[in-house]
Structure formats: C-alpha cells, structure tokens
C-alpha cells in the first residue's frame, strides 16, 4: 500500500521519518542527501520493502556470536537516539568483550550530522588508544 503512495506524499513521509532521526534537525542539503535515494519509483519501493523486512529476529541470531568477538570494538551512540534506544548501546557493550562505549550528548541516530566534531574526536581518541595498545612491547 505505502509503495503506491503518490510521489509528493511519499516524499513528505520519508522526510518526516528521516527528520525524526536527528536531534538538532537537518539542513535542506542534508535532508536531500538522505531522502533523494528513496524518492524515485525504485527507491520508494525499496524503502517500504526495507521497513517491512525490519525484524529483531535478524539481529537476534547474531547476538550470541558477539561474545566471541576478539577485535577492538568502540560503540559510539547518540544519547538522544529516538530510533534505537540508548539501552541497546549498553547491551552491545556488555555483550562484546573488551568493548568501549561512548555516549555522545546532544546527538541522535544521525550522530554524524548532529555532532560531527564530537564523533570525529571520540573516534580519533579511540583509534589513537587502539594503535598505542597494539604496538609491540620494546
């Protein structure tokens, strides 16, 4: 049914959906970057197909495997993520051995747009830490 919406109605729906992922709101160019791929006929059908297929069952099968991860893992999550609650970040952190977790204030699901400097800073610090930690002892 949704895949058959008129293009203008679909565009409004997709923009409202995407806007809900940002804590601060999006600039027009950011919205266009995110919405345009879903706006033509092929994109519209793919968007609703993706929504229809979203099921926790697909990620639930991976959860037991996460405890076996042996690679450095840094979980970065927006404190104001309305799409995937922050408690999921904590659950991932508890499941993945030796992982680190950074909650970024004033950021939602679109953390790269809401808090790009904070995201880049936390990733740079973590990468520096990981590279220092992996150097051979002298």
Protein backbone atom coordinates (compact mmCIF):
# COMPACT_ATOMS: atom_id res chain seq x y z
CA UNK A 1 0.00 0.00 0.00
CA UNK A 2 2.68 2.55 1.02
CA UNK A 3 4.74 1.72 -2.04
CA UNK A 4 1.81 3.04 -4.11
CA UNK A 5 1.67 6.47 -2.44
CA UNK A 6 1.83 9.46 -4.77
CA UNK A 7 5.41 10.72 -5.04
CA UNK A 8 4.73 14.00 -3.19
CA UNK A 9 3.04 12.23 -0.28
CA UNK A 10 5.84 9.69 -0.11
CA UNK A 11 8.46 12.46 -0.10
CA UNK A 12 6.73 14.16 2.84
CA UNK A 13 6.51 10.85 4.71
CA UNK A 14 10.15 9.98 4.08
CA UNK A 15 11.32 13.43 5.16
CA UNK A 16 9.30 13.22 8.38
CA UNK A 17 10.73 9.77 9.06
CA UNK A 18 14.31 10.88 8.44
CA UNK A 19 13.86 14.09 10.44
CA UNK A 20 12.94 12.01 13.49
CA UNK A 21 16.46 10.54 13.49
CA UNK A 22 18.16 13.89 14.07
CA UNK A 23 18.33 15.52 17.48
CA UNK A 24 19.03 19.03 16.15
CA UNK A 25 17.16 18.96 12.85
CA UNK A 26 18.62 18.77 9.38
CA UNK A 27 19.69 21.38 6.87
CA UNK A 28 17.98 21.23 3.47
CA UNK A 29 21.07 19.76 1.79
CA UNK A 30 21.40 17.08 4.48
CA UNK A 31 17.74 16.12 4.09
CA UNK A 32 18.13 15.95 0.32
CA UNK A 33 21.23 13.75 0.65
CA UNK A 34 19.31 11.30 2.83
CA UNK A 35 15.88 11.42 1.17
CA UNK A 36 16.76 11.60 -2.54
CA UNK A 37 17.83 7.94 -2.90
CA UNK A 38 14.43 6.84 -1.58
CA UNK A 39 12.38 9.27 -3.67
CA UNK A 40 12.17 7.82 -7.17
CA UNK A 41 9.99 4.82 -8.02
CA UNK A 42 12.71 2.27 -7.34
CA UNK A 43 13.78 3.97 -4.12
CA UNK A 44 10.22 4.27 -2.86
CA UNK A 45 9.58 0.55 -3.33
CA UNK A 46 12.93 -0.32 -1.73
CA UNK A 47 12.26 1.93 1.26
CA UNK A 48 8.96 0.27 2.13
CA UNK A 49 10.41 -3.17 1.45
CA UNK A 50 13.20 -2.38 3.95
CA UNK A 51 10.70 -1.18 6.54
CA UNK A 52 8.57 -4.27 6.02
CA UNK A 53 11.59 -6.56 6.48
CA UNK A 54 12.87 -4.89 9.64
CA UNK A 55 12.72 -7.59 12.28
CA UNK A 56 14.66 -8.03 15.51
CA UNK A 57 14.85 -11.73 14.64
CA UNK A 58 17.60 -10.96 12.11
CA UNK A 59 19.84 -9.32 14.69
CA UNK A 60 18.89 -11.71 17.48
CA UNK A 61 20.64 -14.57 15.68
CA UNK A 62 23.88 -12.55 15.74
CA UNK A 63 23.78 -11.63 19.43
CA UNK A 64 25.25 -14.92 20.71
CA UNK A 65 28.15 -14.52 18.28
CA UNK A 66 29.07 -11.08 19.59
CA UNK A 67 30.56 -12.56 22.76
CA UNK A 68 33.19 -14.23 20.57
CA UNK A 69 34.46 -11.00 19.00
CA UNK A 70 38.18 -10.56 19.51
CA UNK A 71 38.70 -7.31 17.62
CA UNK A 72 38.80 -3.84 19.14
CA UNK A 73 35.26 -2.52 19.19
CA UNK A 74 34.17 1.01 20.05
CA UNK A 75 30.46 1.69 20.29
CA UNK A 76 29.53 5.33 19.69
CA UNK A 77 25.89 6.22 20.28
CA UNK A 78 23.86 9.42 20.36
CA UNK A 79 22.31 9.96 23.78
CA UNK A 80 19.16 11.25 22.10
CA UNK A 81 18.74 8.43 19.56
CA UNK A 82 14.99 8.05 19.05
CA UNK A 83 15.33 5.22 16.54
CA UNK A 84 17.38 2.78 18.60
CA UNK A 85 17.28 3.39 22.36
CA UNK A 86 20.49 4.01 24.30
CA UNK A 87 19.92 0.87 26.37
CA UNK A 88 20.80 -1.11 23.22
CA UNK A 89 24.23 0.52 23.22
CA UNK A 90 24.76 -0.58 26.79
CA UNK A 91 23.59 -4.10 25.90
CA UNK A 92 26.05 -4.26 23.00
CA UNK A 93 28.83 -3.03 25.26
CA UNK A 94 28.04 -5.70 27.85
CA UNK A 95 27.91 -8.40 25.17
CA UNK A 96 31.09 -7.58 23.23
CA UNK A 97 34.22 -8.42 25.25
CA UNK A 98 36.62 -5.56 25.92
CA UNK A 99 34.46 -3.11 24.00
CA UNK A 100 34.31 0.55 24.87
CA UNK A 101 31.23 2.74 24.81
CA UNK A 102 30.92 6.48 24.26
CA UNK A 103 27.55 8.17 24.51
CA UNK A 104 27.57 11.47 22.67
CA UNK A 105 25.39 14.19 24.21
CA UNK A 106 23.10 16.25 22.02
CA UNK A 107 23.15 13.65 19.24
CA UNK A 108 20.51 11.37 17.83
CA UNK A 109 20.65 8.45 15.41
CA UNK A 110 22.22 10.68 12.78
CA UNK A 111 25.21 11.34 15.01
CA UNK A 112 27.46 12.13 12.06
CA UNK A 113 25.21 15.11 11.24
CA UNK A 114 24.14 16.05 14.78
CA UNK A 115 27.61 16.03 16.33
CA UNK A 116 30.30 15.60 13.67
CA UNK A 117 33.11 17.13 15.74
CA UNK A 118 32.27 15.05 18.81
CA UNK A 119 32.08 11.91 16.66
CA UNK A 120 35.39 12.62 14.93
CA UNK A 121 37.06 13.45 18.24
CA UNK A 122 35.91 10.30 20.00
CA UNK A 123 36.89 8.13 17.04
CA UNK A 124 40.32 9.78 16.78
CA UNK A 125 40.95 9.27 20.51
CA UNK A 126 39.86 5.65 20.32
CA UNK A 127 41.96 4.96 17.22
CA UNK A 128 44.99 6.54 18.93
CA UNK A 129 44.34 4.39 22.00
CA UNK A 130 43.95 1.21 19.96
CA UNK A 131 47.06 1.88 17.92
CA UNK A 132 49.10 2.58 21.07
CA UNK A 133 47.71 -0.57 22.71
CA UNK A 134 48.60 -2.75 19.70
CA UNK A 135 52.23 -1.67 19.40
CA UNK A 136 54.75 -4.38 20.19
CA UNK A 137 56.49 -4.07 23.53
CA UNK A 138 60.09 -2.90 23.34
